[in-house]
C-alpha atoms as a PDB file:
ATOM      1  CA  MET A   1       0.000   0.000   0.000  1.00  0.00           C
ATOM      2  CA  ARG A   2       1.263   3.487  -0.773  1.00  0.00           C
ATOM      3  CA  CYS A   3       0.247   6.619   1.114  1.00  0.00           C
ATOM      4  CA  ILE A   4       0.953  10.219   0.140  1.00  0.00           C
ATOM      5  CA  ALA A   5       0.541  13.186   2.486  1.00  0.00           C
ATOM      6  CA  ARG A   6       0.491  16.798   1.274  1.00  0.00           C
ATOM      7  CA  ASP A   7       0.419  19.998   3.273  1.00  0.00           C
ATOM      8  CA  SER A   8      -1.039  23.377   2.310  1.00  0.00           C
ATOM      9  CA  SER A   9       2.327  24.411   0.789  1.00  0.00           C
ATOM     10  CA  THR A  10       2.147  21.402  -1.588  1.00  0.00           C
ATOM     11  CA  ASN A  11       4.992  19.620   0.184  1.00  0.00           C
ATOM     12  CA  ALA A  12       4.511  15.894  -0.159  1.00  0.00           C
ATOM     13  CA  SER A  13       5.835  12.813   1.490  1.00  0.00           C
ATOM     14  CA  SER A  14       5.013   9.197   0.767  1.00  0.00           C
ATOM     15  CA  CYS A  15       5.516   5.812   2.291  1.00  0.00           C
ATOM     16  CA  THR A  16       4.876   2.241   1.231  1.00  0.00           C
ATOM     17  CA  PHE A  17       3.933  -0.673   3.451  1.00  0.00           C
ATOM     18  CA  THR A  18       2.458  -4.150   3.238  1.00  0.00           C
ATOM     19  CA  VAL A  19      -0.751  -5.231   4.946  1.00  0.00           C
ATOM     20  CA  THR A  20      -1.159  -8.927   5.730  1.00  0.00           C
ATOM     21  CA  VAL A  21      -4.501 -10.278   6.915  1.00  0.00           C
ATOM     22  CA  ARG A  22      -4.499 -13.662   8.591  1.00  0.00           C
ATOM     23  CA  ASP A  23      -7.741 -15.376   9.472  1.00  0.00           C
ATOM     24  CA  LEU A  24      -7.870 -17.383  12.647  1.00  0.00           C
ATOM     25  CA  PRO A  25      -8.995 -20.984  12.225  1.00  0.00           C
ATOM     26  CA  PRO A  26     -12.698 -21.436  12.954  1.00  0.00           C
ATOM     27  CA  VAL A  27     -13.874 -22.802  16.276  1.00  0.00           C
ATOM     28  CA  LEU A  28     -15.950 -25.964  15.929  1.00  0.00           C
ATOM     29  CA  THR A  29     -18.559 -26.151  18.693  1.00  0.00           C
ATOM     30  CA  VAL A  30     -19.864 -29.619  19.563  1.00  0.00           C
ATOM     31  CA  THR A  31     -22.975 -30.261  21.656  1.00  0.00           C
ATOM     32  CA  TYR A  32     -24.652 -33.567  22.434  1.00  0.00           C
ATOM     33  CA  ASP A  33     -28.117 -34.678  23.400  1.00  0.00           C
ATOM     34  CA  SER A  34     -29.386 -38.233  23.760  1.00  0.00           C
ATOM     35  CA  THR A  35     -29.979 -38.715  20.026  1.00  0.00           C
ATOM     36  CA  ASN A  36     -27.784 -36.254  18.080  1.00  0.00           C
ATOM     37  CA  VAL A  37     -24.433 -34.502  18.019  1.00  0.00           C
ATOM     38  CA  LEU A  38     -24.599 -30.911  16.780  1.00  0.00           C
ATOM     39  CA  PHE A  39     -21.541 -29.400  15.074  1.00  0.00           C
ATOM     40  CA  CYS A  40     -21.530 -25.603  14.572  1.00  0.00           C
ATOM     41  CA  TRP A  41     -19.014 -23.097  13.217  1.00  0.00           C
ATOM     42  CA  PRO A  42     -19.208 -19.381  12.318  1.00  0.00           C
ATOM     43  CA  ARG A  43     -20.849 -18.381   9.033  1.00  0.00           C
ATOM     44  CA  THR A  44     -17.873 -16.114   8.410  1.00  0.00           C
ATOM     45  CA  CYS A  45     -15.966 -19.350   7.716  1.00  0.00           C
ATOM     46  CA  GLY A  46     -18.078 -20.265   4.694  1.00  0.00           C
ATOM     47  CA  LEU A  47     -15.210 -21.893   2.839  1.00  0.00           C
ATOM     48  CA  PHE A  48     -14.971 -24.775   5.300  1.00  0.00           C
ATOM     49  CA  VAL A  49     -16.622 -28.188   5.037  1.00  0.00           C
ATOM     50  CA  LEU A  50     -17.370 -30.698   7.784  1.00  0.00           C
ATOM     51  CA  GLU A  51     -15.768 -34.102   7.293  1.00  0.00           C
ATOM     52  CA  GLY A  52     -16.126 -37.376   9.172  1.00  0.00           C
ATOM     53  CA  ALA A  53     -14.111 -40.583   9.480  1.00  0.00           C
ATOM     54  CA  SER A  54     -14.419 -43.815  11.427  1.00  0.00           C
ATOM     55  CA  ASP A  55     -10.651 -44.185  11.914  1.00  0.00           C
ATOM     56  CA  LEU A  56      -7.524 -42.067  11.721  1.00  0.00           C
ATOM     57  CA  THR A  57      -5.183 -44.645  10.210  1.00  0.00           C
ATOM     58  CA  SER A  58      -5.668 -43.507   6.611  1.00  0.00           C
ATOM     59  CA  SER A  59      -5.557 -39.950   5.312  1.00  0.00           C
ATOM     60  CA  ASN A  60      -8.152 -40.818   2.652  1.00  0.00           C
ATOM     61  CA  SER A  61     -10.747 -42.071   5.146  1.00  0.00           C
ATOM     62  CA  TRP A  62     -12.278 -38.582   5.504  1.00  0.00           C
ATOM     63  CA  THR A  63     -15.575 -37.966   3.717  1.00  0.00           C
ATOM     64  CA  GLU A  64     -17.454 -34.690   3.448  1.00  0.00           C
ATOM     65  CA  LEU A  65     -20.808 -34.460   5.202  1.00  0.00           C
ATOM     66  CA  SER A  66     -22.985 -33.189   2.408  1.00  0.00           C
ATOM     67  CA  GLY A  67     -24.054 -29.557   2.345  1.00  0.00           C
ATOM     68  CA  PRO A  68     -25.440 -27.032   1.986  1.00  0.00           C
ATOM     69  CA  TYR A  69     -25.195 -26.559   5.711  1.00  0.00           C
ATOM     70  CA  PRO A  70     -28.213 -25.202   7.603  1.00  0.00           C
ATOM     71  CA  VAL A  71     -27.834 -21.769   9.162  1.00  0.00           C
ATOM     72  CA  SER A  72     -28.656 -21.205  12.817  1.00  0.00           C
ATOM     73  CA  GLY A  73     -28.173 -17.563  13.828  1.00  0.00           C
ATOM     74  CA  ASN A  74     -24.571 -16.668  12.972  1.00  0.00           C
ATOM     75  CA  ASP A  75     -23.448 -20.288  12.575  1.00  0.00           C
ATOM     76  CA  TYR A  76     -23.602 -23.199  10.199  1.00  0.00           C
ATOM     77  CA  CYS A  77     -24.887 -26.216  12.146  1.00  0.00           C
ATOM     78  CA  VAL A  78     -24.998 -29.894  11.206  1.00  0.00           C
ATOM     79  CA  SER A  79     -26.826 -32.481  13.277  1.00  0.00           C
ATOM     80  CA  VAL A  80     -25.419 -36.023  13.143  1.00  0.00           C
ATOM     81  CA  PRO A  81     -27.282 -38.965  14.692  1.00  0.00           C
ATOM     82  CA  ALA A  82     -25.503 -40.270  17.785  1.00  0.00           C
ATOM     83  CA  THR A  83     -25.387 -44.021  17.245  1.00  0.00           C
ATOM     84  CA  ILE A  84     -23.933 -46.514  19.677  1.00  0.00           C
ATOM     85  CA  THR A  85     -23.194 -49.057  16.921  1.00  0.00           C
ATOM     86  CA  GLU A  86     -19.996 -47.264  15.949  1.00  0.00           C
ATOM     87  CA  THR A  87     -17.003 -47.478  18.253  1.00  0.00           C
ATOM     88  CA  ASN A  88     -15.379 -44.217  17.114  1.00  0.00           C
ATOM     89  CA  ARG A  89     -16.234 -41.328  14.845  1.00  0.00           C
ATOM     90  CA  PHE A  90     -13.979 -38.379  14.176  1.00  0.00           C
ATOM     91  CA  PHE A  91     -14.915 -35.001  12.713  1.00  0.00           C
ATOM     92  CA  ARG A  92     -12.989 -32.008  11.410  1.00  0.00           C
ATOM     93  CA  LEU A  93     -13.432 -28.793   9.501  1.00  0.00           C
ATOM     94  CA  ARG A  94     -11.413 -28.594   6.308  1.00  0.00           C
ATOM     95  CA  SER A  95     -10.766 -25.495   4.238  1.00  0.00           C
ATOM     96  CA  ASN A  96     -12.475 -25.995   0.903  1.00  0.00           C
END
């Protein structure tokens, strides 16, 4: 970015600088009731998708939970049935 300042006598001075914007990773909120697990993250993080896997041994075991994601207030929220037939389930947000 370049800025130029001038005074009433037409003297001028300029400077150049770089602006870097870094987004913080989104916070994934997880709540549980007796039948469902609810995953929510801010709508400002629209370029993220929710993925699930049953194990962590393979990097290609992640599958996207299909969207579009429902909006609840300022968040995207996905409800996943809480089943006791599965030993483990893992979830993550991935930048799309």
